[in-house]
Amino acid sequence: MIVVTGATGNVGRTLVRILVEQGHEVTAISRRISDGDVPPGVRAIAADLSQPSADLPSAADAVFLLVGGDLMMAGDPARVVTPFAAYGKIVLLSSQGVATRPESLPHGQAFAAFEQAVMDSGTDWTILRPGGFASNAYAWASSIKAARTIAAPFGDIGLPVIDPDDIAAVAATTLTQPGHSKAIYELTGPTPTTPRQRAAAIGDAIGEPVTLIDQTREEARAQMLTFMPAPVADTTLDILGTPAIREQTVSPDVEKILGRAPATFGDWAKRNAAAFR
């Protein structure tokens, strides 16, 4: 049996589907989940990993551990990881920032603390470190629907954002196949794309032009502070505006694990075009 935490999110939902299609027994965990949120035959458990009383399976072959923002900032990572120490394997969804922004909070320090807790758990482990998600473009959906525009800073700086479905596919492989013990993988898309190029790709997907409105860093920060803490906003803007060479470099790990190139942002936009129409 494989446990998937964050099972209703952009990565977890696809991961549950892949594992079911492969014939695995799956338990799906999320704070708000019901049987209607998962495929038939999947056990759904509503649980908050930040609470010691969380109702978790006592044993499993493997767990996909997703650490959300509030959980990441909530305190002792070992307390979160310990309930899974009896499982056969932990696959942790971490962040590229552990390597590229080690002093930042939470991209570096908080994720690094969770990585260390997993490594110290006494069970087998694999760590996945994605860069930016293609699905962050969902934040533009309302303005694209209303006016076919997006507002973003650093419109001509490119990053190789990754399709969350590729993260799920990598997670499924590392959860179920040998050869990934105590490995750390960086996950990126196949080529850097700029916000301006992503706007154009969404326009192509919906059949109407989408225009980028350039924001200053200050304008973008003010907007981001409405839904994220200041340290997260500041580090995110640093990555978007002054990325490290490693943050702009395409990693070979997705292709190495899956035997195919990762999906492009355009692929992701076409598959999710309905969200922007």
Protein backbone atom coordinates (compact mmCIF):
# COMPACT_ATOMS: atom_id res chain seq x y z
CA MET A 1 0.00 0.00 0.00
CA ILE A 2 1.22 3.48 -0.91
CA VAL A 3 0.22 6.61 1.00
CA VAL A 4 -0.04 9.92 -0.86
CA THR A 5 -0.20 13.11 1.21
CA GLY A 6 -1.38 16.33 -0.40
CA ALA A 7 -3.56 14.02 -2.47
CA THR A 8 -5.92 16.69 -3.82
CA GLY A 9 -3.19 19.07 -5.08
CA ASN A 10 -1.61 19.61 -8.49
CA VAL A 11 0.93 16.82 -7.95
CA GLY A 12 -0.93 14.53 -5.55
CA ARG A 13 -4.11 14.16 -7.57
CA THR A 14 -2.19 13.00 -10.65
CA LEU A 15 0.06 10.77 -8.56
CA VAL A 16 -2.96 8.98 -7.05
CA ARG A 17 -4.37 8.39 -10.54
CA ILE A 18 -1.06 7.03 -11.89
CA LEU A 19 -0.62 4.64 -8.97
CA VAL A 20 -4.19 3.35 -9.28
CA GLU A 21 -3.72 2.81 -13.02
CA GLN A 22 -0.57 0.81 -12.22
CA GLY A 23 -2.59 -1.43 -9.92
CA HIS A 24 -1.32 -0.24 -6.53
CA GLU A 25 -3.38 0.01 -3.37
CA VAL A 26 -3.47 3.70 -2.44
CA THR A 27 -4.43 5.71 0.63
CA ALA A 28 -4.95 9.40 -0.15
CA ILE A 29 -4.47 11.98 2.61
CA SER A 30 -5.40 15.65 2.59
CA ARG A 31 -6.82 18.12 5.06
CA ARG A 32 -10.11 18.25 3.18
CA ILE A 33 -10.86 15.11 1.21
CA SER A 34 -13.74 12.73 0.71
CA ASP A 35 -14.38 9.55 -1.26
CA GLY A 36 -15.66 11.66 -4.15
CA ASP A 37 -12.22 13.28 -4.52
CA VAL A 38 -10.39 10.04 -5.33
CA PRO A 39 -10.75 7.18 -7.82
CA PRO A 40 -12.86 4.17 -6.81
CA GLY A 41 -11.04 1.83 -4.45
CA VAL A 42 -8.78 4.52 -2.97
CA ARG A 43 -9.08 5.09 0.76
CA ALA A 44 -9.48 8.80 1.55
CA ILE A 45 -8.36 10.13 4.95
CA ALA A 46 -8.88 13.73 6.03
CA ALA A 47 -5.89 14.51 8.25
CA ASP A 48 -3.71 17.47 9.21
CA LEU A 49 -0.07 16.41 9.37
CA SER A 50 0.69 19.30 11.72
CA GLN A 51 -1.46 17.67 14.41
CA PRO A 52 0.07 14.84 16.47
CA SER A 53 -3.35 13.16 16.58
CA ALA A 54 -3.57 12.88 12.78
CA ASP A 55 -5.22 9.59 11.78
CA LEU A 56 -2.50 7.99 9.66
CA PRO A 57 -1.95 4.37 8.58
CA SER A 58 0.46 2.64 10.95
CA ALA A 59 2.39 1.00 8.10
CA ALA A 60 2.75 1.17 4.32
CA ASP A 61 5.17 0.22 1.58
CA ALA A 62 5.92 3.86 0.81
CA VAL A 63 4.68 7.42 1.33
CA PHE A 64 4.79 10.50 -0.85
CA LEU A 65 5.30 13.35 1.61
CA LEU A 66 4.26 16.82 0.51
CA VAL A 67 5.04 19.66 2.90
CA GLY A 68 2.69 22.61 2.45
CA GLY A 69 3.62 26.18 3.29
CA ASP A 70 1.99 26.40 6.72
CA LEU A 71 3.25 22.95 7.71
CA MET A 72 6.74 23.90 6.58
CA MET A 73 6.72 26.89 8.91
CA ALA A 74 5.00 25.13 11.80
CA GLY A 75 7.90 23.86 13.82
CA ASP A 76 9.59 20.49 14.30
CA PRO A 77 10.00 18.57 11.00
CA ALA A 78 10.95 15.38 12.87
CA ARG A 79 7.51 15.29 14.49
CA VAL A 80 5.89 15.39 11.05
CA VAL A 81 8.19 12.72 9.61
CA THR A 82 8.21 10.30 12.57
CA PRO A 83 4.76 8.75 11.89
CA PHE A 84 6.13 7.58 8.52
CA ALA A 85 9.41 6.16 9.85
CA ALA A 86 7.92 2.64 9.98
CA TYR A 87 7.03 2.77 6.28
CA GLY A 88 9.21 1.11 3.69
CA LYS A 89 10.17 4.36 1.98
CA ILE A 90 9.61 8.11 2.08
CA VAL A 91 9.63 10.16 -1.13
CA LEU A 92 9.79 13.81 -0.09
CA LEU A 93 8.74 16.66 -2.35
CA SER A 94 11.29 19.32 -1.44
CA SER A 95 12.59 22.35 -3.36
CA GLN A 96 15.49 23.23 -5.63
CA GLY A 97 16.03 26.13 -3.22
CA VAL A 98 17.75 23.81 -0.76
CA ALA A 99 20.69 23.81 -3.17
CA THR A 100 20.33 27.25 -4.75
CA ARG A 101 19.04 29.38 -1.84
CA PRO A 102 20.29 27.59 1.30
CA GLU A 103 20.00 30.68 3.50
CA SER A 104 16.47 31.55 2.46
CA LEU A 105 13.35 30.81 4.43
CA PRO A 106 11.48 28.69 3.58
CA HIS A 107 12.88 27.71 0.16
CA GLY A 108 16.22 26.73 1.66
CA GLN A 109 16.25 26.38 5.43
CA ALA A 110 12.78 24.95 6.05
CA PHE A 111 12.93 22.41 3.24
CA ALA A 112 16.48 21.46 4.26
CA ALA A 113 15.23 20.73 7.77
CA PHE A 114 12.57 18.40 6.38
CA GLU A 115 15.12 16.71 4.14
CA GLN A 116 17.35 16.09 7.15
CA ALA A 117 14.44 14.70 9.16
CA VAL A 118 13.67 12.26 6.35
CA MET A 119 17.32 11.24 6.06
CA ASP A 120 17.43 10.68 9.84
CA SER A 121 14.18 8.70 9.92
CA GLY A 122 15.86 5.32 9.59
CA THR A 123 13.84 4.29 6.54
CA ASP A 124 14.71 4.38 2.85
CA TRP A 125 14.18 7.72 1.10
CA THR A 126 14.28 9.68 -2.13
CA ILE A 127 14.15 13.48 -2.34
CA LEU A 128 12.65 15.39 -5.25
CA ARG A 129 13.69 19.03 -5.70
CA PRO A 130 11.58 20.75 -8.37
CA GLY A 131 12.06 24.31 -9.53
CA GLY A 132 9.08 26.51 -10.37
CA PHE A 133 5.78 24.86 -11.27
CA ALA A 134 4.03 25.49 -14.59
CA SER A 135 0.80 25.48 -12.60
CA ASN A 136 1.79 28.74 -10.89
CA ALA A 137 0.28 30.25 -14.04
CA TYR A 138 -3.16 29.51 -12.58
CA ALA A 139 -2.65 32.77 -10.66
CA TRP A 140 -3.19 34.54 -13.99
CA ALA A 141 -6.47 32.80 -14.77
CA SER A 142 -8.86 35.52 -13.59
CA SER A 143 -7.15 38.36 -15.48
CA ILE A 144 -6.83 36.23 -18.62
CA LYS A 145 -10.52 35.37 -18.48
CA ALA A 146 -11.51 39.00 -17.86
CA ALA A 147 -9.17 40.93 -20.13
CA ARG A 148 -6.76 38.50 -21.85
CA THR A 149 -3.88 40.06 -19.90
CA ILE A 150 -1.48 39.03 -17.19
CA ALA A 151 0.60 41.20 -14.88
CA ALA A 152 4.06 39.91 -13.97
CA PRO A 153 7.53 41.23 -13.17
CA PHE A 154 10.75 40.29 -14.99
CA GLY A 155 8.88 39.51 -18.19
CA ASP A 156 11.95 38.51 -20.19
CA ILE A 157 13.81 36.38 -17.63
CA GLY A 158 13.44 32.66 -18.27
CA LEU A 159 13.18 29.69 -15.92
CA PRO A 160 12.65 26.00 -16.86
CA VAL A 161 9.35 25.53 -15.02
CA ILE A 162 8.10 21.96 -14.66
CA ASP A 163 4.73 20.41 -15.37
CA PRO A 164 3.33 19.03 -12.07
CA ASP A 165 2.25 15.89 -13.94
CA ASP A 166 5.92 15.17 -14.61
CA ILE A 167 6.66 15.53 -10.90
CA ALA A 168 3.87 13.03 -10.23
CA ALA A 169 5.27 10.61 -12.81
CA VAL A 170 8.74 10.83 -11.27
CA ALA A 171 7.24 10.33 -7.81
CA ALA A 172 5.34 7.24 -8.98
CA THR A 173 8.54 5.74 -10.37
CA THR A 174 10.63 6.45 -7.28
CA LEU A 175 7.88 5.14 -4.98
CA THR A 176 7.47 1.83 -6.80
CA GLN A 177 10.69 1.01 -8.67
CA PRO A 178 14.15 0.03 -7.38
CA GLY A 179 17.25 2.05 -8.04
CA HIS A 180 16.31 5.34 -6.35
CA SER A 181 17.39 4.67 -2.77
CA LYS A 182 18.90 7.71 -1.04
CA ALA A 183 18.86 9.70 -4.29
CA ILE A 184 18.23 13.42 -4.69
CA TYR A 185 16.77 14.58 -8.01
CA GLU A 186 16.35 18.10 -9.36
CA LEU A 187 13.27 18.40 -11.56
CA THR A 188 12.85 21.03 -14.28
CA GLY A 189 11.11 21.50 -17.58
CA PRO A 190 12.93 21.02 -20.91
CA THR A 191 13.82 24.67 -21.57
CA PRO A 192 13.65 28.05 -19.84
CA THR A 193 10.59 30.16 -20.66
CA THR A 194 9.90 33.77 -19.78
CA PRO A 195 6.61 35.14 -18.43
CA ARG A 196 6.11 36.78 -21.82
CA GLN A 197 6.57 33.45 -23.57
CA ARG A 198 4.22 31.74 -21.14
CA ALA A 199 1.57 34.37 -21.81
CA ALA A 200 1.93 33.69 -25.52
CA ALA A 201 1.70 29.93 -24.95
CA ILE A 202 -1.54 30.34 -23.01
CA GLY A 203 -2.83 32.55 -25.81
CA ASP A 204 -2.01 29.84 -28.33
CA ALA A 205 -3.80 27.28 -26.16
CA ILE A 206 -7.03 29.29 -25.90
CA GLY A 207 -6.91 30.69 -29.44
CA GLU A 208 -6.74 34.36 -28.42
CA PRO A 209 -3.74 36.62 -27.74
CA VAL A 210 -2.76 37.17 -24.11
CA THR A 211 -0.80 40.34 -23.32
CA LEU A 212 1.80 40.69 -20.60
CA ILE A 213 1.62 43.87 -18.50
CA ASP A 214 5.02 44.47 -16.96
CA GLN A 215 5.05 44.96 -13.19
CA THR A 216 7.80 46.46 -11.09
CA ARG A 217 9.24 44.33 -8.32
CA GLU A 218 7.48 46.56 -5.80
CA GLU A 219 4.12 46.14 -7.50
CA ALA A 220 4.52 42.39 -7.66
CA ARG A 221 5.61 42.22 -4.01
CA ALA A 222 2.58 44.17 -2.84
CA GLN A 223 0.33 41.76 -4.71
CA MET A 224 2.14 38.68 -3.38
CA LEU A 225 1.94 39.87 0.21
CA THR A 226 -1.84 39.48 0.04
CA PHE A 227 -1.43 35.68 0.02
CA MET A 228 2.09 34.79 1.21
CA PRO A 229 4.51 35.79 4.01
CA ALA A 230 7.10 38.47 3.24
CA PRO A 231 10.15 36.12 3.38
CA VAL A 232 8.50 33.80 0.83
CA ALA A 233 7.57 36.70 -1.44
CA ASP A 234 11.06 38.20 -1.29
CA THR A 235 12.84 34.93 -2.08
CA THR A 236 10.39 34.15 -4.86
CA LEU A 237 11.05 37.55 -6.42
CA ASP A 238 14.80 37.00 -6.11
CA ILE A 239 14.45 33.72 -8.01
CA LEU A 240 12.26 35.30 -10.68
CA GLY A 241 14.37 38.42 -11.10
CA THR A 242 17.94 37.36 -10.40
CA PRO A 243 17.99 33.58 -10.81
CA ALA A 244 21.13 31.64 -10.08
CA ILE A 245 22.73 29.82 -13.01
CA ARG A 246 21.56 26.52 -11.52
CA GLU A 247 17.97 27.81 -11.37
CA GLN A 248 18.07 28.52 -15.11
CA THR A 249 19.77 25.22 -16.00
CA VAL A 250 17.75 22.30 -17.36
CA SER A 251 18.24 19.20 -15.23
CA PRO A 252 18.53 15.79 -16.95
CA ASP A 253 16.82 13.97 -14.08
CA VAL A 254 13.24 13.85 -15.40
CA GLU A 255 14.35 12.32 -18.69
CA LYS A 256 16.74 9.97 -16.90
CA ILE A 257 13.97 8.63 -14.67
CA LEU A 258 11.04 8.60 -17.12
CA GLY A 259 12.91 7.80 -20.33
CA ARG A 260 11.36 10.79 -22.09
CA ALA A 261 11.77 14.55 -22.14
CA PRO A 262 9.71 16.58 -19.68
CA ALA A 263 6.62 18.35 -20.98
CA THR A 264 6.94 21.92 -22.24
CA PHE A 265 5.00 24.82 -20.77
CA GLY A 266 3.03 24.89 -24.00
CA ASP A 267 2.05 21.25 -23.44
CA TRP A 268 0.82 22.13 -19.96
CA ALA A 269 -1.10 25.17 -21.23
CA LYS A 270 -2.90 23.17 -23.92
CA ARG A 271 -3.91 20.50 -21.44
CA ASN A 272 -5.24 23.11 -19.02
CA ALA A 273 -6.64 25.65 -21.50
CA ALA A 274 -10.14 25.46 -20.00
CA ALA A 275 -8.87 27.18 -16.85
CA PHE A 276 -8.08 30.33 -18.87
CA ARG A 277 -11.02 30.58 -21.27
